[in-house]
C-alpha atoms as a PDB file:
ATOM      1  CA  MET A   1    -166.886 -66.428  39.977  1.00  0.00           C
ATOM      2  CA  ASN A   2    -164.616 -66.995  42.923  1.00  0.00           C
ATOM      3  CA  THR A   3    -161.929 -69.676  42.501  1.00  0.00           C
ATOM      4  CA  ALA A   4    -162.143 -70.531  46.203  1.00  0.00           C
ATOM      5  CA  GLU A   5    -165.431 -72.268  45.457  1.00  0.00           C
ATOM      6  CA  PHE A   6    -163.638 -74.986  43.520  1.00  0.00           C
ATOM      7  CA  THR A   7    -161.085 -76.026  46.121  1.00  0.00           C
ATOM      8  CA  GLY A   8    -161.353 -79.624  47.219  1.00  0.00           C
ATOM      9  CA  TRP A   9    -163.648 -80.621  44.361  1.00  0.00           C
ATOM     10  CA  ASP A  10    -163.879 -84.290  43.471  1.00  0.00           C
ATOM     11  CA  ILE A  11    -166.340 -86.523  41.706  1.00  0.00           C
ATOM     12  CA  ARG A  12    -167.729 -88.052  44.913  1.00  0.00           C
ATOM     13  CA  ARG A  13    -168.717 -84.644  46.245  1.00  0.00           C
ATOM     14  CA  GLU A  14    -170.323 -83.791  42.915  1.00  0.00           C
ATOM     15  CA  LEU A  15    -172.333 -87.001  42.854  1.00  0.00           C
ATOM     16  CA  SER A  16    -173.385 -86.595  46.486  1.00  0.00           C
ATOM     17  CA  TYR A  17    -174.479 -83.047  45.653  1.00  0.00           C
ATOM     18  CA  MET A  18    -176.496 -84.412  42.737  1.00  0.00           C
ATOM     19  CA  ARG A  19    -178.089 -86.991  45.050  1.00  0.00           C
ATOM     20  CA  LYS A  20    -179.023 -84.228  47.514  1.00  0.00           C
ATOM     21  CA  LEU A  21    -180.684 -82.284  44.708  1.00  0.00           C
ATOM     22  CA  HIS A  22    -182.836 -85.296  43.866  1.00  0.00           C
ATOM     23  CA  PRO A  23    -184.317 -86.594  47.123  1.00  0.00           C
ATOM     24  CA  MET A  24    -186.328 -89.199  45.227  1.00  0.00           C
ATOM     25  CA  LEU A  25    -183.057 -90.882  44.234  1.00  0.00           C
ATOM     26  CA  ASN A  26    -181.658 -91.143  47.798  1.00  0.00           C
ATOM     27  CA  GLY A  27    -182.254 -94.869  47.870  1.00  0.00           C
ATOM     28  CA  TYR A  28    -180.803 -95.328  44.401  1.00  0.00           C
ATOM     29  CA  PHE A  29    -177.113 -94.846  45.131  1.00  0.00           C
ATOM     30  CA  LEU A  30    -176.163 -96.720  41.977  1.00  0.00           C
ATOM     31  CA  ILE A  31    -178.105 -94.392  39.689  1.00  0.00           C
ATOM     32  CA  THR A  32    -176.509 -91.230  41.047  1.00  0.00           C
ATOM     33  CA  HIS A  33    -173.011 -92.710  40.831  1.00  0.00           C
ATOM     34  CA  LEU A  34    -173.550 -93.871  37.248  1.00  0.00           C
ATOM     35  CA  THR A  35    -174.533 -90.477  35.822  1.00  0.00           C
ATOM     36  CA  VAL A  36    -171.023 -89.580  34.657  1.00  0.00           C
ATOM     37  CA  PRO A  37    -170.214 -92.970  33.065  1.00  0.00           C
ATOM     38  CA  ILE A  38    -173.594 -93.023  31.336  1.00  0.00           C
ATOM     39  CA  SER A  39    -173.016 -89.504  30.007  1.00  0.00           C
ATOM     40  CA  LEU A  40    -169.577 -90.483  28.754  1.00  0.00           C
ATOM     41  CA  LEU A  41    -171.014 -93.575  27.093  1.00  0.00           C
ATOM     42  CA  ILE A  42    -173.668 -91.495  25.328  1.00  0.00           C
ATOM     43  CA  ILE A  43    -171.045 -89.005  24.134  1.00  0.00           C
ATOM     44  CA  LEU A  44    -168.740 -91.771  22.862  1.00  0.00           C
ATOM     45  CA  VAL A  45    -171.569 -93.504  21.021  1.00  0.00           C
ATOM     46  CA  ALA A  46    -172.585 -90.177  19.450  1.00  0.00           C
ATOM     47  CA  PHE A  47    -169.017 -89.577  18.261  1.00  0.00           C
ATOM     48  CA  PHE A  48    -168.856 -93.138  16.926  1.00  0.00           C
ATOM     49  CA  PHE A  49    -172.009 -92.695  14.868  1.00  0.00           C
ATOM     50  CA  ALA A  50    -170.991 -89.207  13.743  1.00  0.00           C
ATOM     51  CA  PHE A  51    -167.492 -89.967  12.461  1.00  0.00           C
ATOM     52  CA  SER A  52    -167.229 -93.706  11.846  1.00  0.00           C
ATOM     53  CA  PRO A  53    -167.355 -94.961   8.231  1.00  0.00           C
ATOM     54  CA  PHE A  54    -168.640 -98.286   9.538  1.00  0.00           C
ATOM     55  CA  ALA A  55    -171.563 -96.520  11.197  1.00  0.00           C
ATOM     56  CA  ARG A  56    -172.334 -94.673   7.950  1.00  0.00           C
ATOM     57  CA  ARG A  57    -172.385 -97.945   6.015  1.00  0.00           C
ATOM     58  CA  LEU A  58    -174.500 -99.559   8.707  1.00  0.00           C
ATOM     59  CA  GLY A  59    -176.895 -96.608   8.620  1.00  0.00           C
ATOM     60  CA  SER A  60    -177.242 -96.758   4.858  1.00  0.00           C
ATOM     61  CA  ILE A  61    -177.867-100.512   4.975  1.00  0.00           C
ATOM     62  CA  LEU A  62    -180.496-100.096   7.683  1.00  0.00           C
ATOM     63  CA  GLY A  63    -182.090 -97.275   5.688  1.00  0.00           C
ATOM     64  CA  ALA A  64    -182.234 -99.452   2.595  1.00  0.00           C
ATOM     65  CA  ILE A  65    -183.771-102.315   4.560  1.00  0.00           C
ATOM     66  CA  LEU A  66    -186.409-100.063   6.112  1.00  0.00           C
ATOM     67  CA  SER A  67    -187.182 -98.490   2.737  1.00  0.00           C
ATOM     68  CA  PHE A  68    -187.541-101.913   1.137  1.00  0.00           C
ATOM     69  CA  LEU A  69    -189.857-103.139   3.898  1.00  0.00           C
ATOM     70  CA  PHE A  70    -191.986-100.003   3.683  1.00  0.00           C
ATOM     71  CA  ASN A  71    -192.299-100.204  -0.117  1.00  0.00           C
ATOM     72  CA  VAL A  72    -193.169-103.895  -0.109  1.00  0.00           C
ATOM     73  CA  SER A  73    -195.752-103.495   2.659  1.00  0.00           C
ATOM     74  CA  TRP A  74    -197.273-100.429   0.990  1.00  0.00           C
ATOM     75  CA  THR A  75    -197.569-102.273  -2.329  1.00  0.00           C
ATOM     76  CA  PHE A  76    -199.080-105.293  -0.582  1.00  0.00           C
ATOM     77  CA  ILE A  77    -201.685-103.119   1.162  1.00  0.00           C
ATOM     78  CA  LEU A  78    -202.593-101.302  -2.065  1.00  0.00           C
ATOM     79  CA  THR A  79    -202.995-104.483  -4.081  1.00  0.00           C
ATOM     80  CA  LYS A  80    -204.832-106.553  -1.463  1.00  0.00           C
ATOM     81  CA  THR A  81    -207.351-103.842  -0.540  1.00  0.00           C
ATOM     82  CA  GLY A  82    -207.972-102.635  -4.074  1.00  0.00           C
ATOM     83  CA  LEU A  83    -207.046 -99.033  -3.288  1.00  0.00           C
ATOM     84  CA  PHE A  84    -205.037 -98.819  -6.501  1.00  0.00           C
ATOM     85  CA  SER A  85    -208.268 -98.944  -8.535  1.00  0.00           C
ATOM     86  CA  ILE A  86    -209.371 -95.586  -7.076  1.00  0.00           C
ATOM     87  CA  TRP A  87    -206.663 -93.885  -9.117  1.00  0.00           C
ATOM     88  CA  ASP A  88    -208.452 -94.741 -12.362  1.00  0.00           C
ATOM     89  CA  ASN A  89    -211.486 -92.702 -11.299  1.00  0.00           C
ATOM     90  CA  LEU A  90    -209.460 -89.585 -10.449  1.00  0.00           C
ATOM     91  CA  PRO A  91    -209.165 -86.838 -13.070  1.00  0.00           C
ATOM     92  CA  LEU A  92    -205.392 -86.711 -12.548  1.00  0.00           C
ATOM     93  CA  THR A  93    -203.469 -87.852 -15.561  1.00  0.00           C
ATOM     94  CA  ALA A  94    -199.975 -87.075 -16.749  1.00  0.00           C
ATOM     95  CA  GLU A  95    -201.420 -84.859 -19.486  1.00  0.00           C
ATOM     96  CA  SER A  96    -203.573 -82.818 -17.100  1.00  0.00           C
ATOM     97  CA  ILE A  97    -200.657 -82.309 -14.735  1.00  0.00           C
ATOM     98  CA  THR A  98    -198.339 -81.174 -17.550  1.00  0.00           C
ATOM     99  CA  ASP A  99    -201.062 -78.845 -18.883  1.00  0.00           C
ATOM    100  CA  LYS A 100    -201.432 -77.221 -15.460  1.00  0.00           C
ATOM    101  CA  LYS A 101    -197.666 -76.950 -15.221  1.00  0.00           C
ATOM    102  CA  LYS A 102    -197.459 -75.253 -18.632  1.00  0.00           C
ATOM    103  CA  ILE A 103    -200.164 -72.760 -17.661  1.00  0.00           C
ATOM    104  CA  LEU A 104    -198.325 -71.858 -14.457  1.00  0.00           C
ATOM    105  CA  ILE A 105    -195.011 -71.497 -16.289  1.00  0.00           C
ATOM    106  CA  ARG A 106    -196.581 -69.237 -18.926  1.00  0.00           C
ATOM    107  CA  ALA A 107    -198.090 -67.047 -16.208  1.00  0.00           C
ATOM    108  CA  MET A 108    -194.697 -66.731 -14.472  1.00  0.00           C
ATOM    109  CA  GLU A 109    -192.972 -65.916 -17.771  1.00  0.00           C
ATOM    110  CA  GLU A 110    -195.565 -63.243 -18.569  1.00  0.00           C
ATOM    111  CA  LYS A 111    -195.133 -61.711 -15.127  1.00  0.00           C
ATOM    112  CA  ALA A 112    -191.333 -61.638 -15.609  1.00  0.00           C
ATOM    113  CA  ARG A 113    -191.722 -60.022 -19.054  1.00  0.00           C
ATOM    114  CA  LYS A 114    -193.971 -57.314 -17.593  1.00  0.00           C
ATOM    115  CA  GLN A 115    -191.440 -56.602 -14.861  1.00  0.00           C
ATOM    116  CA  ILE A 116    -188.643 -56.301 -17.442  1.00  0.00           C
ATOM    117  CA  ILE A 117    -190.735 -53.917 -19.560  1.00  0.00           C
ATOM    118  CA  VAL A 118    -191.580 -51.776 -16.527  1.00  0.00           C
ATOM    119  CA  LYS A 119    -187.881 -51.538 -15.598  1.00  0.00           C
ATOM    120  CA  ARG A 120    -186.930 -50.581 -19.158  1.00  0.00           C
ATOM    121  CA  VAL A 121    -189.587 -47.875 -19.268  1.00  0.00           C
ATOM    122  CA  GLU A 122    -188.423 -46.517 -15.923  1.00  0.00           C
ATOM    123  CA  ASN A 123    -184.814 -46.457 -17.110  1.00  0.00           C
ATOM    124  CA  TRP A 124    -185.822 -44.692 -20.335  1.00  0.00           C
ATOM    125  CA  GLN A 125    -187.781 -42.110 -18.361  1.00  0.00           C
ATOM    126  CA  LYS A 126    -184.867 -41.507 -16.012  1.00  0.00           C
ATOM    127  CA  ARG A 127    -182.487 -41.202 -18.942  1.00  0.00           C
ATOM    128  CA  ASP A 128    -184.797 -38.802 -20.799  1.00  0.00           C
ATOM    129  CA  LEU A 129    -185.261 -36.636 -17.712  1.00  0.00           C
ATOM    130  CA  GLY A 130    -181.521 -36.637 -17.129  1.00  0.00           C
ATOM    131  CA  VAL A 131    -180.878 -35.479 -20.706  1.00  0.00           C
ATOM    132  CA  GLN A 132    -183.419 -32.679 -20.362  1.00  0.00           C
ATOM    133  CA  ASP A 133    -181.857 -31.513 -17.099  1.00  0.00           C
ATOM    134  CA  LYS A 134    -178.394 -31.491 -18.637  1.00  0.00           C
ATOM    135  CA  LYS A 135    -179.589 -29.385 -21.576  1.00  0.00           C
ATOM    136  CA  HIS A 136    -180.747 -26.659 -19.225  1.00  0.00           C
ATOM    137  CA  GLU A 137    -177.479 -26.548 -17.303  1.00  0.00           C
ATOM    138  CA  THR A 138    -174.876 -23.987 -18.177  1.00  0.00           C
ATOM    139  CA  THR A 139    -171.434 -25.200 -19.080  1.00  0.00           C
ATOM    140  CA  PRO A 140    -168.805 -24.391 -16.455  1.00  0.00           C
ATOM    141  CA  ARG A 141    -166.013 -22.084 -17.282  1.00  0.00           C
ATOM    142  CA  THR A 142    -162.594 -23.578 -17.831  1.00  0.00           C
ATOM    143  CA  GLU A 143    -161.244 -21.854 -14.709  1.00  0.00           C
ATOM    144  CA  GLU A 144    -163.787 -23.628 -12.497  1.00  0.00           C
ATOM    145  CA  VAL A 145    -162.920 -26.968 -14.114  1.00  0.00           C
ATOM    146  CA  HIS A 146    -159.189 -26.494 -13.439  1.00  0.00           C
ATOM    147  CA  GLU A 147    -159.848 -25.515  -9.840  1.00  0.00           C
ATOM    148  CA  CYS A 148    -161.818 -28.732  -9.260  1.00  0.00           C
ATOM    149  CA  VAL A 149    -159.043 -30.893 -10.684  1.00  0.00           C
END
């Protein structure tokens, strides 16, 4: 990029250039001249909420309030409409859920055991084949061993 392009730059020229890009905003001089301050305000507010301990406390308080309101309204709706009585007719109980969970855990454990056994068998086979191959090899002479060292 050529540095000559940036000579004589100022904010008024930039804003007028932005206004020329947006012909619909020609009559709204105030909007085009407020773009930089609005952007700075948004950035400052973002930094405030990102790094301020006060904002974190305020956020946690607002979250607690919203959670409380949601839980109270949800409970009110369930009790006033009678939707909570549907749960009694469902086959879901704590015992059935734990039974399903136990079955799934047993299946995963069995799968893991099978994988371990397969790996052990493979290792034994590799070891046995390696022993057989070594038996058929001839032992090197001492001269060859000393030359390698």
